[in-house]
Amino acid sequence: MFVSIPYCASWLLMAFASSVLDLYCARFLAGIGSAVVMSSIYTVEVTSTEMRASFSLTESAVRYNNNLAQYRDSSDVNLQ
């Protein structure tokens, strides 16, 4: 549960951003969350040999979709 804190902080900071620096900080926190939550080593350790490829692919897809959503949502922020 504690590993979701960087993600939550990132989304809150992005939602209430008033400057470009806030968005950079939010992106940094999202990167930390991705590194903690989406670890390929963990996937390899807990899955069977048959399922590793599909889980690794799903992990990458979720990570890239999350990044895309953050960029999409941050484009709506008025920084003035």
C-alpha atoms as a PDB file:
ATOM      1  CA  MET A   1       0.000   0.000   0.000  1.00  0.00           C
ATOM      2  CA  PHE A   2       2.841   2.404   0.761  1.00  0.00           C
ATOM      3  CA  VAL A   3       4.284   2.146  -2.721  1.00  0.00           C
ATOM      4  CA  SER A   4       1.244   3.971  -4.106  1.00  0.00           C
ATOM      5  CA  ILE A   5       2.175   7.138  -2.195  1.00  0.00           C
ATOM      6  CA  PRO A   6       4.475   8.508  -4.936  1.00  0.00           C
ATOM      7  CA  TYR A   7       1.728   7.955  -7.534  1.00  0.00           C
ATOM      8  CA  CYS A   8      -0.901   9.666  -5.415  1.00  0.00           C
ATOM      9  CA  ALA A   9       1.419  12.558  -4.625  1.00  0.00           C
ATOM     10  CA  SER A  10       2.256  12.862  -8.321  1.00  0.00           C
ATOM     11  CA  TRP A  11      -1.374  13.065  -9.394  1.00  0.00           C
ATOM     12  CA  LEU A  12      -2.244  15.557  -6.653  1.00  0.00           C
ATOM     13  CA  LEU A  13       0.730  17.730  -7.486  1.00  0.00           C
ATOM     14  CA  MET A  14      -0.188  17.587 -11.176  1.00  0.00           C
ATOM     15  CA  ALA A  15      -3.810  18.449 -10.456  1.00  0.00           C
ATOM     16  CA  PHE A  16      -2.905  21.512  -8.426  1.00  0.00           C
ATOM     17  CA  ALA A  17       0.194  22.570 -10.374  1.00  0.00           C
ATOM     18  CA  SER A  18       0.721  26.283 -10.675  1.00  0.00           C
ATOM     19  CA  SER A  19       4.088  26.248 -12.422  1.00  0.00           C
ATOM     20  CA  VAL A  20       6.217  24.169 -14.717  1.00  0.00           C
ATOM     21  CA  LEU A  21       8.409  23.201 -11.764  1.00  0.00           C
ATOM     22  CA  ASP A  22       5.383  21.587 -10.108  1.00  0.00           C
ATOM     23  CA  LEU A  23       4.832  19.478 -13.218  1.00  0.00           C
ATOM     24  CA  TYR A  24       8.491  18.440 -13.276  1.00  0.00           C
ATOM     25  CA  CYS A  25       8.277  17.415  -9.630  1.00  0.00           C
ATOM     26  CA  ALA A  26       5.077  15.478 -10.321  1.00  0.00           C
ATOM     27  CA  ARG A  27       6.766  13.678 -13.199  1.00  0.00           C
ATOM     28  CA  PHE A  28       9.740  12.843 -10.985  1.00  0.00           C
ATOM     29  CA  LEU A  29       7.436  11.355  -8.343  1.00  0.00           C
ATOM     30  CA  ALA A  30       5.647   9.331 -11.016  1.00  0.00           C
ATOM     31  CA  GLY A  31       9.013   7.961 -12.129  1.00  0.00           C
ATOM     32  CA  ILE A  32       9.821   6.914  -8.593  1.00  0.00           C
ATOM     33  CA  GLY A  33       6.427   5.218  -8.372  1.00  0.00           C
ATOM     34  CA  SER A  34       7.064   3.365 -11.619  1.00  0.00           C
ATOM     35  CA  ALA A  35      10.449   2.195 -10.423  1.00  0.00           C
ATOM     36  CA  VAL A  36       9.041   0.914  -7.147  1.00  0.00           C
ATOM     37  CA  VAL A  37       5.805  -0.636  -8.354  1.00  0.00           C
ATOM     38  CA  MET A  38       6.698  -1.921 -11.793  1.00  0.00           C
ATOM     39  CA  SER A  39       9.766  -3.992 -11.230  1.00  0.00           C
ATOM     40  CA  SER A  40      10.641  -6.653 -13.756  1.00  0.00           C
ATOM     41  CA  ILE A  41      12.601  -8.565 -11.140  1.00  0.00           C
ATOM     42  CA  TYR A  42       9.452  -8.958  -9.057  1.00  0.00           C
ATOM     43  CA  THR A  43       7.510 -10.165 -12.090  1.00  0.00           C
ATOM     44  CA  VAL A  44      10.136 -12.797 -12.853  1.00  0.00           C
ATOM     45  CA  GLU A  45      10.170 -14.036  -9.273  1.00  0.00           C
ATOM     46  CA  VAL A  46       6.434 -14.486  -8.788  1.00  0.00           C
ATOM     47  CA  THR A  47       5.236 -15.768 -12.159  1.00  0.00           C
ATOM     48  CA  SER A  48       5.569 -19.105 -13.830  1.00  0.00           C
ATOM     49  CA  THR A  49       7.788 -19.504 -16.874  1.00  0.00           C
ATOM     50  CA  GLU A  50       4.804 -19.645 -19.216  1.00  0.00           C
ATOM     51  CA  MET A  51       3.331 -16.372 -17.948  1.00  0.00           C
ATOM     52  CA  ARG A  52       6.480 -14.225 -17.709  1.00  0.00           C
ATOM     53  CA  ALA A  53       6.297 -12.822 -21.227  1.00  0.00           C
ATOM     54  CA  SER A  54       2.664 -11.771 -20.986  1.00  0.00           C
ATOM     55  CA  PHE A  55       3.132 -10.199 -17.549  1.00  0.00           C
ATOM     56  CA  SER A  56       6.243  -8.335 -18.675  1.00  0.00           C
ATOM     57  CA  LEU A  57       4.397  -7.043 -21.731  1.00  0.00           C
ATOM     58  CA  THR A  58       1.428  -5.987 -19.612  1.00  0.00           C
ATOM     59  CA  GLU A  59       3.750  -4.239 -17.174  1.00  0.00           C
ATOM     60  CA  SER A  60       5.343  -2.217 -19.976  1.00  0.00           C
ATOM     61  CA  ALA A  61       1.975  -1.369 -21.515  1.00  0.00           C
ATOM     62  CA  VAL A  62       0.590  -0.127 -18.200  1.00  0.00           C
ATOM     63  CA  ARG A  63       3.696   1.970 -17.569  1.00  0.00           C
ATOM     64  CA  TYR A  64       3.591   3.603 -21.008  1.00  0.00           C
ATOM     65  CA  ASN A  65      -0.157   4.219 -20.826  1.00  0.00           C
ATOM     66  CA  ASN A  66       0.310   5.856 -17.430  1.00  0.00           C
ATOM     67  CA  ASN A  67       2.985   8.154 -18.825  1.00  0.00           C
ATOM     68  CA  LEU A  68       0.809   9.002 -21.814  1.00  0.00           C
ATOM     69  CA  ALA A  69      -2.140   9.817 -19.539  1.00  0.00           C
ATOM     70  CA  GLN A  70       0.024  12.110 -17.434  1.00  0.00           C
ATOM     71  CA  TYR A  71       1.257  14.005 -20.480  1.00  0.00           C
ATOM     72  CA  ARG A  72      -2.277  14.210 -21.877  1.00  0.00           C
ATOM     73  CA  ASP A  73      -3.743  15.473 -18.611  1.00  0.00           C
ATOM     74  CA  SER A  74      -0.959  17.943 -17.976  1.00  0.00           C
ATOM     75  CA  SER A  75      -1.564  19.581 -21.362  1.00  0.00           C
ATOM     76  CA  ASP A  76      -4.875  20.883 -19.991  1.00  0.00           C
ATOM     77  CA  VAL A  77      -3.181  22.763 -17.133  1.00  0.00           C
ATOM     78  CA  ASN A  78      -3.089  26.515 -17.520  1.00  0.00           C
ATOM     79  CA  LEU A  79       0.260  27.693 -16.181  1.00  0.00           C
ATOM     80  CA  GLN A  80      -0.443  31.416 -16.258  1.00  0.00           C
END
